[in-house]
Amino acid sequence: MPPRATILSLDLKKLLTPNDVPSAIEDPDKPVNHIVGYTNNPIVWFCSPGFYEYHEYYPEDRWELMRETDRGKITWIVNHACDMIDRPKLR
């Protein structure tokens, strides 16, 4: 099972919800590699291979096929998540 990632506030005191995050982080022109915060979902999630929610949403892109690659390693996933966050938009 791919790892889940939870996005916290900058002071690390609360989970971010879609109401806390500007809609600008969603890019409808990119099917993957962006952060999604739909108001009908209680979490903000990474729409990118390597993350649990992505593989649940795109079951045809199977985690088992990438698990043993570099993209399946937790260090790649964490670095990728950090690169996807536009910190000024989260303030």
Protein backbone atom coordinates (compact mmCIF):
# COMPACT_ATOMS: atom_id res chain seq x y z
CA MET A 1 0.00 0.00 0.00
CA PRO A 2 1.42 3.42 -0.94
CA PRO A 3 2.09 5.92 1.84
CA ARG A 4 -0.42 8.55 2.84
CA ALA A 5 0.75 12.12 3.24
CA THR A 6 -0.93 14.68 5.44
CA ILE A 7 -0.31 18.38 4.97
CA LEU A 8 -0.03 20.42 8.16
CA SER A 9 -0.18 24.14 8.78
CA LEU A 10 3.17 25.91 8.76
CA ASP A 11 3.22 25.93 12.56
CA LEU A 12 2.52 22.15 12.47
CA LYS A 13 -0.46 22.55 14.79
CA LYS A 14 -3.35 21.46 12.57
CA LEU A 15 -4.21 19.45 9.49
CA LEU A 16 -4.94 21.53 6.45
CA THR A 17 -8.44 21.21 5.05
CA PRO A 18 -9.63 22.43 1.67
CA ASN A 19 -11.04 25.55 3.35
CA ASP A 20 -7.54 26.44 4.61
CA VAL A 21 -5.85 26.22 1.22
CA PRO A 22 -6.26 28.60 -1.70
CA SER A 23 -7.98 27.09 -4.70
CA ALA A 24 -5.01 28.22 -6.76
CA ILE A 25 -3.15 25.08 -5.77
CA GLU A 26 -5.55 23.09 -7.93
CA ASP A 27 -4.63 23.06 -11.58
CA PRO A 28 -7.38 21.51 -13.70
CA ASP A 29 -5.04 21.40 -16.69
CA LYS A 30 -2.71 18.98 -14.92
CA PRO A 31 -4.19 15.55 -14.30
CA VAL A 32 -1.29 14.68 -11.97
CA ASN A 33 1.51 16.31 -9.99
CA HIS A 34 -0.49 18.92 -8.14
CA ILE A 35 -2.19 19.30 -4.78
CA VAL A 36 -5.94 18.82 -4.59
CA GLY A 37 -8.27 20.32 -2.05
CA TYR A 38 -11.88 19.60 -2.94
CA THR A 39 -14.40 20.91 -0.45
CA ASN A 40 -16.33 17.63 -0.43
CA ASN A 41 -13.19 15.80 0.73
CA PRO A 42 -11.99 16.45 4.29
CA ILE A 43 -8.32 16.31 3.35
CA VAL A 44 -5.90 17.99 1.01
CA TRP A 45 -4.09 15.37 -1.04
CA PHE A 46 -1.20 14.97 -3.44
CA CYS A 47 -2.39 14.03 -6.91
CA SER A 48 0.84 12.34 -7.91
CA PRO A 49 2.11 8.79 -8.27
CA GLY A 50 3.53 7.49 -5.01
CA PHE A 51 0.72 8.72 -2.78
CA TYR A 52 -2.16 6.61 -1.47
CA GLU A 53 -4.97 8.94 -2.55
CA TYR A 54 -3.61 9.18 -6.08
CA HIS A 55 -3.55 5.41 -6.51
CA GLU A 56 -7.04 5.12 -5.05
CA TYR A 57 -8.29 7.73 -7.52
CA TYR A 58 -6.33 6.30 -10.47
CA PRO A 59 -6.43 2.52 -9.87
CA GLU A 60 -5.10 1.82 -13.37
CA ASP A 61 -1.79 3.43 -12.32
CA ARG A 62 -0.80 0.61 -10.00
CA TRP A 63 1.40 1.19 -6.98
CA GLU A 64 2.84 -2.32 -7.30
CA LEU A 65 4.50 -1.36 -10.59
CA MET A 66 6.36 1.58 -9.08
CA ARG A 67 6.96 0.33 -5.53
CA GLU A 68 10.41 -1.10 -6.31
CA THR A 69 11.54 1.88 -8.40
CA ASP A 70 13.13 5.14 -7.20
CA ARG A 71 9.66 6.73 -7.27
CA GLY A 72 8.49 4.16 -4.74
CA LYS A 73 11.07 5.11 -2.11
CA ILE A 74 9.94 7.25 0.79
CA THR A 75 12.82 9.71 0.25
CA TRP A 76 11.69 10.37 -3.34
CA ILE A 77 8.08 10.73 -2.21
CA VAL A 78 8.95 13.22 0.56
CA ASN A 79 11.20 15.28 -1.73
CA HIS A 80 8.54 15.26 -4.43
CA ALA A 81 5.87 16.40 -1.94
CA CYS A 82 8.08 19.24 -0.73
CA ASP A 83 8.74 20.36 -4.30
CA MET A 84 5.00 20.45 -5.06
CA ILE A 85 4.10 22.81 -2.22
CA ASP A 86 4.02 26.49 -3.06
CA ARG A 87 4.61 27.74 0.48
CA PRO A 88 3.52 31.38 -0.03
CA LYS A 89 0.06 30.14 -1.05
CA LEU A 90 -0.30 28.19 2.21
CA ARG A 91 0.10 31.23 4.47
